[in-house]
Structure formats: C-alpha cells, structure tokens
C-alpha cells in the first residue's frame, strides 16, 4: 500500500510538471516547431530560389531570413521573462541581418560592411555562449577549429590583398565563437560548426575563384540557414532548461541535490 501511494504521488508530480511545462510556467520552449515554421519556410524558398536561378525571388526572401528567425525566438519565449541571454541572441540575429543586407549590395565597401556586421554578430554569439556555457576548457574536439584557422589563412592569404587584416580578425572571432559553442550544448555546437562551413565556402568562392565548388551559392545559403537555426533553437533549449530549474520549488531542488 505504501508503495502504491508513493508511486501515485510520483505520477501526480510528474503530470503536474508536464502540465506546467506545456503552460510555459517553467520557461521551457512551447512547441518550438510552429515558432520556427516561418523561418524554415523562408529558408527553403531562399535556397530553392538560388538553385533555380530566380534572382528576383532571392532578393525578396534574403532580407526576410533573420527577421523570421527573430520572430521564432520571440514566439518561443512568449509569456516568459526577457533575459540578457535572449537579448544577446536577438542582437546576434539582428547584426546578421545587417550583414545579409550589406552583402546584397555590390562592391568591396559593402562586402567589408557586411564582414564587420557578421564579425559583431559572432562577438555577440561568443559573449552569449560564454554566459550560458561558462568559462573553462572547451571540448577536446574543438582543436579542429585551431587547425581550420591555420589552414584557412594559409589558403586564403595569397588572394586577400588589402583585406588580410579584417579577414584574419574575422576568422579569429569565428573560430573562438565555434569553440565556445562546444561548452553550451550539442545543438549549439552543431549550429556553430555549420556556420563555420558556410563562411568557409563563401570565403573560398570569393577569394579563390580558381577553386570550383559545385553549387557553392546553394551550399553557402543552406549551411547559413541551418547554422543560424540550430544555434537559435539550441540556445532557447538551454535557456528553457535553466528557467525550468530556477522555477522549481526550493524543497524540490533540495531533494534533487
């Protein structure tokens, strides 16, 4: 009888916790797929438009990518406390949007403006990842980013010309951001890694035209959208878990400890 009562109490606590999660009282993401649906749709249309050579549609959908991702973040956090981490995530997305717009314009000046915007976006992501992932030794496999950076510079520097300094600085920050992501979660680390792939393809196709990457435009945009989406979803999941832990009654936290 005592065992039955104990199991019944456990099931009631579990059911109540599930109900609170679905109601959003623990700060956990509510139905993340619907929140990200506009971003997923715009991303697919953008990638398909690039593959089909529909330049007009590309010009329409590209400026909508990051706003759609920002909307996803806001919808996922609807009714929940606005935290510094959420603000940093939205800042990084906003700076990425500025970079997208700048890179749509012709000329080296706008390329540098776009590079600077994405550099600041990566700084925002870096600060965000350190804030929620903490300081400390990154995962052992993060050494791959040091190798990537060395190879990246060795391959690109001959074709950079006057852009050596900004590109080197960009590579450093990008690698640091991806390294810091390894301490946050698997989803965030995957997003950062895909982002590095996207920027690498873009850099090779711009500065080393002799290197032919089949479908590089499609690959660049596909990996960019996937990377940004995974980072945002991963960060929201981490923030949600942290909020859920903080919302637990003091007695429950003491028993868990």
C-alpha atoms as a PDB file:
ATOM      1  CA  UNK A   1       0.000   0.000   0.000  1.00  0.00           C
ATOM      2  CA  UNK A   2       2.790   2.408   0.897  1.00  0.00           C
ATOM      3  CA  UNK A   3       4.494   1.627  -2.414  1.00  0.00           C
ATOM      4  CA  UNK A   4       1.276   2.351  -4.296  1.00  0.00           C
ATOM      5  CA  UNK A   5       0.869   5.721  -2.554  1.00  0.00           C
ATOM      6  CA  UNK A   6       4.494   6.619  -3.300  1.00  0.00           C
ATOM      7  CA  UNK A   7       4.109   5.738  -6.977  1.00  0.00           C
ATOM      8  CA  UNK A   8       0.832   7.668  -7.149  1.00  0.00           C
ATOM      9  CA  UNK A   9       2.462  10.760  -5.647  1.00  0.00           C
ATOM     10  CA  UNK A  10       5.347  10.452  -8.122  1.00  0.00           C
ATOM     11  CA  UNK A  11       2.956  10.216 -11.070  1.00  0.00           C
ATOM     12  CA  UNK A  12       0.975  13.247  -9.839  1.00  0.00           C
ATOM     13  CA  UNK A  13       4.157  15.298  -9.523  1.00  0.00           C
ATOM     14  CA  UNK A  14       5.261  14.234 -12.998  1.00  0.00           C
ATOM     15  CA  UNK A  15       1.853  15.010 -14.524  1.00  0.00           C
ATOM     16  CA  UNK A  16       1.780  18.402 -12.807  1.00  0.00           C
ATOM     17  CA  UNK A  17       5.272  19.204 -14.067  1.00  0.00           C
ATOM     18  CA  UNK A  18       4.288  18.256 -17.632  1.00  0.00           C
ATOM     19  CA  UNK A  19       1.227  20.492 -17.362  1.00  0.00           C
ATOM     20  CA  UNK A  20       3.322  23.415 -16.090  1.00  0.00           C
ATOM     21  CA  UNK A  21       5.805  22.918 -18.937  1.00  0.00           C
ATOM     22  CA  UNK A  22       3.052  22.939 -21.549  1.00  0.00           C
ATOM     23  CA  UNK A  23       1.599  26.070 -19.965  1.00  0.00           C
ATOM     24  CA  UNK A  24       5.008  27.742 -20.085  1.00  0.00           C
ATOM     25  CA  UNK A  25       5.299  28.475 -16.383  1.00  0.00           C
ATOM     26  CA  UNK A  26       8.782  26.896 -16.282  1.00  0.00           C
ATOM     27  CA  UNK A  27      10.169  28.949 -19.147  1.00  0.00           C
ATOM     28  CA  UNK A  28      10.511  25.858 -21.356  1.00  0.00           C
ATOM     29  CA  UNK A  29      10.034  26.261 -25.091  1.00  0.00           C
ATOM     30  CA  UNK A  30       6.420  25.668 -26.080  1.00  0.00           C
ATOM     31  CA  UNK A  31       6.010  23.877 -29.389  1.00  0.00           C
ATOM     32  CA  UNK A  32       9.229  25.097 -30.998  1.00  0.00           C
ATOM     33  CA  UNK A  33       8.437  23.755 -34.478  1.00  0.00           C
ATOM     34  CA  UNK A  34       5.468  26.120 -35.106  1.00  0.00           C
ATOM     35  CA  UNK A  35       7.557  29.034 -33.824  1.00  0.00           C
ATOM     36  CA  UNK A  36      10.315  28.230 -36.333  1.00  0.00           C
ATOM     37  CA  UNK A  37       7.967  27.423 -39.230  1.00  0.00           C
ATOM     38  CA  UNK A  38       8.161  30.888 -40.887  1.00  0.00           C
ATOM     39  CA  UNK A  39      11.968  30.788 -40.752  1.00  0.00           C
ATOM     40  CA  UNK A  40      12.069  27.252 -42.155  1.00  0.00           C
ATOM     41  CA  UNK A  41       9.709  28.185 -44.991  1.00  0.00           C
ATOM     42  CA  UNK A  42      11.610  31.360 -45.919  1.00  0.00           C
ATOM     43  CA  UNK A  43      14.905  29.453 -45.775  1.00  0.00           C
ATOM     44  CA  UNK A  44      13.620  26.725 -48.092  1.00  0.00           C
ATOM     45  CA  UNK A  45      12.242  29.274 -50.552  1.00  0.00           C
ATOM     46  CA  UNK A  46      15.565  31.161 -50.483  1.00  0.00           C
ATOM     47  CA  UNK A  47      17.661  28.049 -51.116  1.00  0.00           C
ATOM     48  CA  UNK A  48      15.337  26.774 -53.859  1.00  0.00           C
ATOM     49  CA  UNK A  49      15.293  30.209 -55.491  1.00  0.00           C
ATOM     50  CA  UNK A  50      19.097  30.271 -55.570  1.00  0.00           C
ATOM     51  CA  UNK A  51      19.210  26.772 -57.049  1.00  0.00           C
ATOM     52  CA  UNK A  52      16.626  27.735 -59.685  1.00  0.00           C
ATOM     53  CA  UNK A  53      18.348  30.997 -60.564  1.00  0.00           C
ATOM     54  CA  UNK A  54      15.274  33.034 -59.584  1.00  0.00           C
ATOM     55  CA  UNK A  55      17.201  36.228 -58.790  1.00  0.00           C
ATOM     56  CA  UNK A  56      14.124  38.344 -58.071  1.00  0.00           C
ATOM     57  CA  UNK A  57      12.815  35.863 -55.508  1.00  0.00           C
ATOM     58  CA  UNK A  58      16.270  35.641 -53.910  1.00  0.00           C
ATOM     59  CA  UNK A  59      16.299  39.408 -53.460  1.00  0.00           C
ATOM     60  CA  UNK A  60      12.889  39.283 -51.799  1.00  0.00           C
ATOM     61  CA  UNK A  61      13.461  36.381 -49.425  1.00  0.00           C
ATOM     62  CA  UNK A  62      17.015  37.010 -48.229  1.00  0.00           C
ATOM     63  CA  UNK A  63      16.124  40.135 -46.199  1.00  0.00           C
ATOM     64  CA  UNK A  64      13.338  38.121 -44.537  1.00  0.00           C
ATOM     65  CA  UNK A  65      15.540  35.320 -43.181  1.00  0.00           C
ATOM     66  CA  UNK A  66      16.815  36.879 -39.966  1.00  0.00           C
ATOM     67  CA  UNK A  67      13.580  38.739 -39.136  1.00  0.00           C
ATOM     68  CA  UNK A  68      11.784  35.381 -39.428  1.00  0.00           C
ATOM     69  CA  UNK A  69      14.344  33.831 -37.069  1.00  0.00           C
ATOM     70  CA  UNK A  70      13.920  36.713 -34.606  1.00  0.00           C
ATOM     71  CA  UNK A  71      10.152  36.169 -34.714  1.00  0.00           C
ATOM     72  CA  UNK A  72      10.757  32.475 -33.946  1.00  0.00           C
ATOM     73  CA  UNK A  73      12.794  33.406 -30.879  1.00  0.00           C
ATOM     74  CA  UNK A  74      10.144  35.850 -29.659  1.00  0.00           C
ATOM     75  CA  UNK A  75       7.321  33.357 -30.211  1.00  0.00           C
ATOM     76  CA  UNK A  76       9.226  30.617 -28.400  1.00  0.00           C
ATOM     77  CA  UNK A  77       9.745  32.964 -25.446  1.00  0.00           C
ATOM     78  CA  UNK A  78       6.214  34.388 -25.497  1.00  0.00           C
ATOM     79  CA  UNK A  79       4.990  34.999 -21.963  1.00  0.00           C
ATOM     80  CA  UNK A  80       8.383  34.302 -20.449  1.00  0.00           C
ATOM     81  CA  UNK A  81      10.908  36.556 -18.786  1.00  0.00           C
ATOM     82  CA  UNK A  82      13.155  38.522 -21.165  1.00  0.00           C
ATOM     83  CA  UNK A  83      16.726  37.701 -20.165  1.00  0.00           C
ATOM     84  CA  UNK A  84      20.127  39.022 -21.152  1.00  0.00           C
ATOM     85  CA  UNK A  85      20.776  35.758 -22.982  1.00  0.00           C
ATOM     86  CA  UNK A  86      17.672  36.260 -25.128  1.00  0.00           C
ATOM     87  CA  UNK A  87      18.756  39.841 -25.784  1.00  0.00           C
ATOM     88  CA  UNK A  88      22.213  38.695 -26.901  1.00  0.00           C
ATOM     89  CA  UNK A  89      20.648  36.090 -29.184  1.00  0.00           C
ATOM     90  CA  UNK A  90      18.397  38.693 -30.787  1.00  0.00           C
ATOM     91  CA  UNK A  91      21.346  41.094 -31.088  1.00  0.00           C
ATOM     92  CA  UNK A  92      23.389  38.465 -32.937  1.00  0.00           C
ATOM     93  CA  UNK A  93      20.454  37.767 -35.246  1.00  0.00           C
ATOM     94  CA  UNK A  94      19.966  41.495 -35.881  1.00  0.00           C
ATOM     95  CA  UNK A  95      23.636  42.009 -36.716  1.00  0.00           C
ATOM     96  CA  UNK A  96      23.467  39.003 -39.045  1.00  0.00           C
ATOM     97  CA  UNK A  97      20.509  40.649 -40.763  1.00  0.00           C
ATOM     98  CA  UNK A  98      22.565  43.824 -41.268  1.00  0.00           C
ATOM     99  CA  UNK A  99      25.313  41.650 -42.754  1.00  0.00           C
ATOM    100  CA  UNK A 100      22.843  39.972 -45.107  1.00  0.00           C
ATOM    101  CA  UNK A 101      21.635  43.330 -46.377  1.00  0.00           C
ATOM    102  CA  UNK A 102      25.155  44.673 -46.862  1.00  0.00           C
ATOM    103  CA  UNK A 103      26.305  41.604 -48.797  1.00  0.00           C
ATOM    104  CA  UNK A 104      23.397  42.026 -51.201  1.00  0.00           C
ATOM    105  CA  UNK A 105      24.963  45.276 -52.434  1.00  0.00           C
ATOM    106  CA  UNK A 106      27.807  45.326 -54.974  1.00  0.00           C
ATOM    107  CA  UNK A 107      31.364  46.467 -54.296  1.00  0.00           C
ATOM    108  CA  UNK A 108      34.177  45.827 -51.832  1.00  0.00           C
ATOM    109  CA  UNK A 109      32.970  48.562 -49.482  1.00  0.00           C
ATOM    110  CA  UNK A 110      29.667  46.793 -48.835  1.00  0.00           C
ATOM    111  CA  UNK A 111      31.499  43.484 -48.510  1.00  0.00           C
ATOM    112  CA  UNK A 112      33.629  44.978 -45.712  1.00  0.00           C
ATOM    113  CA  UNK A 113      30.493  46.425 -44.086  1.00  0.00           C
ATOM    114  CA  UNK A 114      28.873  43.012 -44.251  1.00  0.00           C
ATOM    115  CA  UNK A 115      32.009  41.371 -42.877  1.00  0.00           C
ATOM    116  CA  UNK A 116      32.020  43.846 -39.993  1.00  0.00           C
ATOM    117  CA  UNK A 117      28.354  43.185 -39.229  1.00  0.00           C
ATOM    118  CA  UNK A 118      28.901  39.438 -39.108  1.00  0.00           C
ATOM    119  CA  UNK A 119      32.050  39.961 -37.042  1.00  0.00           C
ATOM    120  CA  UNK A 120      29.957  41.791 -34.441  1.00  0.00           C
ATOM    121  CA  UNK A 121      27.296  39.075 -34.682  1.00  0.00           C
ATOM    122  CA  UNK A 122      29.917  36.462 -33.850  1.00  0.00           C
ATOM    123  CA  UNK A 123      31.132  38.583 -30.931  1.00  0.00           C
ATOM    124  CA  UNK A 124      27.549  38.679 -29.635  1.00  0.00           C
ATOM    125  CA  UNK A 125      27.287  34.895 -30.036  1.00  0.00           C
ATOM    126  CA  UNK A 126      30.655  34.464 -28.291  1.00  0.00           C
ATOM    127  CA  UNK A 127      29.538  36.545 -25.298  1.00  0.00           C
ATOM    128  CA  UNK A 128      26.240  34.650 -25.234  1.00  0.00           C
ATOM    129  CA  UNK A 129      27.930  31.237 -25.304  1.00  0.00           C
ATOM    130  CA  UNK A 130      30.340  32.189 -22.530  1.00  0.00           C
ATOM    131  CA  UNK A 131      27.445  33.499 -20.461  1.00  0.00           C
ATOM    132  CA  UNK A 132      25.337  30.346 -20.701  1.00  0.00           C
ATOM    133  CA  UNK A 133      28.146  27.824 -21.167  1.00  0.00           C
ATOM    134  CA  UNK A 134      30.599  29.317 -18.713  1.00  0.00           C
ATOM    135  CA  UNK A 135      34.354  29.751 -18.841  1.00  0.00           C
ATOM    136  CA  UNK A 136      36.598  26.768 -18.896  1.00  0.00           C
ATOM    137  CA  UNK A 137      38.264  24.255 -21.156  1.00  0.00           C
ATOM    138  CA  UNK A 138      36.321  23.606 -24.388  1.00  0.00           C
ATOM    139  CA  UNK A 139      35.591  20.117 -25.630  1.00  0.00           C
ATOM    140  CA  UNK A 140      38.695  18.258 -26.800  1.00  0.00           C
ATOM    141  CA  UNK A 141      37.471  18.056 -30.373  1.00  0.00           C
ATOM    142  CA  UNK A 142      37.362  21.878 -30.559  1.00  0.00           C
ATOM    143  CA  UNK A 143      41.050  21.664 -31.549  1.00  0.00           C
ATOM    144  CA  UNK A 144      39.688  21.205 -35.063  1.00  0.00           C
ATOM    145  CA  UNK A 145      38.953  24.960 -35.134  1.00  0.00           C
ATOM    146  CA  UNK A 146      42.608  25.802 -34.492  1.00  0.00           C
ATOM    147  CA  UNK A 147      43.559  23.541 -37.397  1.00  0.00           C
ATOM    148  CA  UNK A 148      40.812  25.097 -39.530  1.00  0.00           C
ATOM    149  CA  UNK A 149      42.080  28.608 -38.782  1.00  0.00           C
ATOM    150  CA  UNK A 150      45.668  27.808 -39.766  1.00  0.00           C
ATOM    151  CA  UNK A 151      44.602  26.094 -42.990  1.00  0.00           C
ATOM    152  CA  UNK A 152      42.045  28.839 -43.672  1.00  0.00           C
ATOM    153  CA  UNK A 153      44.732  31.543 -43.540  1.00  0.00           C
ATOM    154  CA  UNK A 154      47.332  29.545 -45.458  1.00  0.00           C
ATOM    155  CA  UNK A 155      44.884  29.024 -48.314  1.00  0.00           C
ATOM    156  CA  UNK A 156      43.255  32.464 -48.374  1.00  0.00           C
ATOM    157  CA  UNK A 157      46.013  34.979 -47.603  1.00  0.00           C
ATOM    158  CA  UNK A 158      47.538  34.956 -51.116  1.00  0.00           C
ATOM    159  CA  UNK A 159      44.224  36.165 -52.546  1.00  0.00           C
ATOM    160  CA  UNK A 160      43.149  38.597 -49.820  1.00  0.00           C
ATOM    161  CA  UNK A 161      45.142  41.674 -50.819  1.00  0.00           C
ATOM    162  CA  UNK A 162      44.163  44.657 -48.649  1.00  0.00           C
ATOM    163  CA  UNK A 163      41.569  42.553 -46.800  1.00  0.00           C
ATOM    164  CA  UNK A 164      44.143  40.451 -44.923  1.00  0.00           C
ATOM    165  CA  UNK A 165      43.648  42.147 -41.537  1.00  0.00           C
ATOM    166  CA  UNK A 166      39.821  42.161 -41.471  1.00  0.00           C
ATOM    167  CA  UNK A 167      39.597  38.580 -42.735  1.00  0.00           C
ATOM    168  CA  UNK A 168      42.177  37.333 -40.201  1.00  0.00           C
ATOM    169  CA  UNK A 169      40.302  39.106 -37.402  1.00  0.00           C
ATOM    170  CA  UNK A 170      37.037  37.659 -38.653  1.00  0.00           C
ATOM    171  CA  UNK A 171      38.497  34.163 -38.712  1.00  0.00           C
ATOM    172  CA  UNK A 172      39.786  34.506 -35.160  1.00  0.00           C
ATOM    173  CA  UNK A 173      36.405  35.593 -33.810  1.00  0.00           C
ATOM    174  CA  UNK A 174      34.540  32.965 -35.838  1.00  0.00           C
ATOM    175  CA  UNK A 175      36.820  30.217 -34.521  1.00  0.00           C
ATOM    176  CA  UNK A 176      36.511  31.495 -30.943  1.00  0.00           C
ATOM    177  CA  UNK A 177      32.719  31.569 -31.256  1.00  0.00           C
ATOM    178  CA  UNK A 178      32.589  27.996 -32.548  1.00  0.00           C
ATOM    179  CA  UNK A 179      34.987  26.850 -29.816  1.00  0.00           C
ATOM    180  CA  UNK A 180      32.872  28.463 -27.089  1.00  0.00           C
ATOM    181  CA  UNK A 181      29.779  26.801 -28.558  1.00  0.00           C
ATOM    182  CA  UNK A 182      31.195  23.375 -27.683  1.00  0.00           C
ATOM    183  CA  UNK A 183      30.586  24.149 -23.997  1.00  0.00           C
ATOM    184  CA  UNK A 184      26.925  25.064 -24.448  1.00  0.00           C
ATOM    185  CA  UNK A 185      25.127  22.076 -25.994  1.00  0.00           C
ATOM    186  CA  UNK A 186      25.390  19.636 -28.871  1.00  0.00           C
ATOM    187  CA  UNK A 187      22.762  21.553 -30.839  1.00  0.00           C
ATOM    188  CA  UNK A 188      24.532  24.903 -30.440  1.00  0.00           C
ATOM    189  CA  UNK A 189      27.913  23.322 -31.238  1.00  0.00           C
ATOM    190  CA  UNK A 190      26.451  21.768 -34.395  1.00  0.00           C
ATOM    191  CA  UNK A 191      24.986  25.111 -35.461  1.00  0.00           C
ATOM    192  CA  UNK A 192      28.279  26.910 -34.933  1.00  0.00           C
ATOM    193  CA  UNK A 193      30.167  24.215 -36.869  1.00  0.00           C
ATOM    194  CA  UNK A 194      27.771  24.502 -39.808  1.00  0.00           C
ATOM    195  CA  UNK A 195      28.157  28.303 -39.665  1.00  0.00           C
ATOM    196  CA  UNK A 196      31.933  27.868 -39.989  1.00  0.00           C
ATOM    197  CA  UNK A 197      31.381  25.656 -43.029  1.00  0.00           C
ATOM    198  CA  UNK A 198      29.118  28.296 -44.583  1.00  0.00           C
ATOM    199  CA  UNK A 199      31.622  31.111 -44.107  1.00  0.00           C
ATOM    200  CA  UNK A 200      34.462  28.908 -45.375  1.00  0.00           C
ATOM    201  CA  UNK A 201      32.608  28.139 -48.604  1.00  0.00           C
ATOM    202  CA  UNK A 202      31.789  31.822 -49.059  1.00  0.00           C
ATOM    203  CA  UNK A 203      35.419  32.856 -48.496  1.00  0.00           C
ATOM    204  CA  UNK A 204      36.811  30.246 -50.892  1.00  0.00           C
ATOM    205  CA  UNK A 205      34.380  31.161 -53.643  1.00  0.00           C
ATOM    206  CA  UNK A 206      35.084  34.896 -53.271  1.00  0.00           C
ATOM    207  CA  UNK A 207      38.844  34.991 -52.774  1.00  0.00           C
ATOM    208  CA  UNK A 208      39.909  31.901 -54.701  1.00  0.00           C
ATOM    209  CA  UNK A 209      37.841  31.905 -57.888  1.00  0.00           C
ATOM    210  CA  UNK A 210      40.090  29.175 -59.304  1.00  0.00           C
ATOM    211  CA  UNK A 211      38.654  26.807 -56.688  1.00  0.00           C
ATOM    212  CA  UNK A 212      35.418  25.494 -58.141  1.00  0.00           C
ATOM    213  CA  UNK A 213      32.838  24.348 -55.580  1.00  0.00           C
ATOM    214  CA  UNK A 214      29.781  22.970 -57.392  1.00  0.00           C
ATOM    215  CA  UNK A 215      26.650  24.745 -56.203  1.00  0.00           C
ATOM    216  CA  UNK A 216      28.615  26.950 -53.809  1.00  0.00           C
ATOM    217  CA  UNK A 217      25.853  29.585 -53.654  1.00  0.00           C
ATOM    218  CA  UNK A 218      23.283  26.992 -52.646  1.00  0.00           C
ATOM    219  CA  UNK A 219      25.645  25.346 -50.158  1.00  0.00           C
ATOM    220  CA  UNK A 220      26.588  28.688 -48.607  1.00  0.00           C
ATOM    221  CA  UNK A 221      22.983  29.706 -48.023  1.00  0.00           C
ATOM    222  CA  UNK A 222      21.813  26.249 -46.945  1.00  0.00           C
ATOM    223  CA  UNK A 223      24.533  25.915 -44.317  1.00  0.00           C
ATOM    224  CA  UNK A 224      23.997  29.522 -43.212  1.00  0.00           C
ATOM    225  CA  UNK A 225      20.285  28.972 -42.585  1.00  0.00           C
ATOM    226  CA  UNK A 226      20.830  25.616 -40.881  1.00  0.00           C
ATOM    227  CA  UNK A 227      23.615  27.039 -38.705  1.00  0.00           C
ATOM    228  CA  UNK A 228      21.624  30.056 -37.566  1.00  0.00           C
ATOM    229  CA  UNK A 229      18.534  27.962 -36.924  1.00  0.00           C
ATOM    230  CA  UNK A 230      20.375  25.335 -34.891  1.00  0.00           C
ATOM    231  CA  UNK A 231      22.129  27.976 -32.793  1.00  0.00           C
ATOM    232  CA  UNK A 232      18.862  29.755 -32.008  1.00  0.00           C
ATOM    233  CA  UNK A 233      16.994  26.526 -31.221  1.00  0.00           C
ATOM    234  CA  UNK A 234      19.867  25.242 -29.086  1.00  0.00           C
ATOM    235  CA  UNK A 235      20.192  28.460 -27.103  1.00  0.00           C
ATOM    236  CA  UNK A 236      16.437  28.565 -26.482  1.00  0.00           C
ATOM    237  CA  UNK A 237      16.544  24.981 -25.236  1.00  0.00           C
ATOM    238  CA  UNK A 238      19.391  25.761 -22.815  1.00  0.00           C
ATOM    239  CA  UNK A 239      17.668  28.907 -21.551  1.00  0.00           C
ATOM    240  CA  UNK A 240      14.435  26.943 -21.163  1.00  0.00           C
ATOM    241  CA  UNK A 241      16.104  24.239 -19.092  1.00  0.00           C
ATOM    242  CA  UNK A 242      17.775  26.858 -16.904  1.00  0.00           C
ATOM    243  CA  UNK A 243      14.445  28.624 -16.402  1.00  0.00           C
ATOM    244  CA  UNK A 244      12.762  25.346 -15.541  1.00  0.00           C
ATOM    245  CA  UNK A 245      15.393  24.587 -12.900  1.00  0.00           C
ATOM    246  CA  UNK A 246      15.109  28.060 -11.379  1.00  0.00           C
ATOM    247  CA  UNK A 247      11.308  27.780 -11.229  1.00  0.00           C
ATOM    248  CA  UNK A 248      11.338  24.548  -9.223  1.00  0.00           C
ATOM    249  CA  UNK A 249      10.268  24.835  -5.580  1.00  0.00           C
ATOM    250  CA  UNK A 250      13.138  25.116  -3.116  1.00  0.00           C
ATOM    251  CA  UNK A 251      12.214  21.811  -1.494  1.00  0.00           C
ATOM    252  CA  UNK A 252      12.315  20.007  -4.849  1.00  0.00           C
ATOM    253  CA  UNK A 253      15.762  21.410  -5.656  1.00  0.00           C
ATOM    254  CA  UNK A 254      16.986  20.307  -2.233  1.00  0.00           C
ATOM    255  CA  UNK A 255      15.738  16.747  -2.779  1.00  0.00           C
ATOM    256  CA  UNK A 256      17.338  16.674  -6.269  1.00  0.00           C
ATOM    257  CA  UNK A 257      20.654  17.781  -4.756  1.00  0.00           C
END
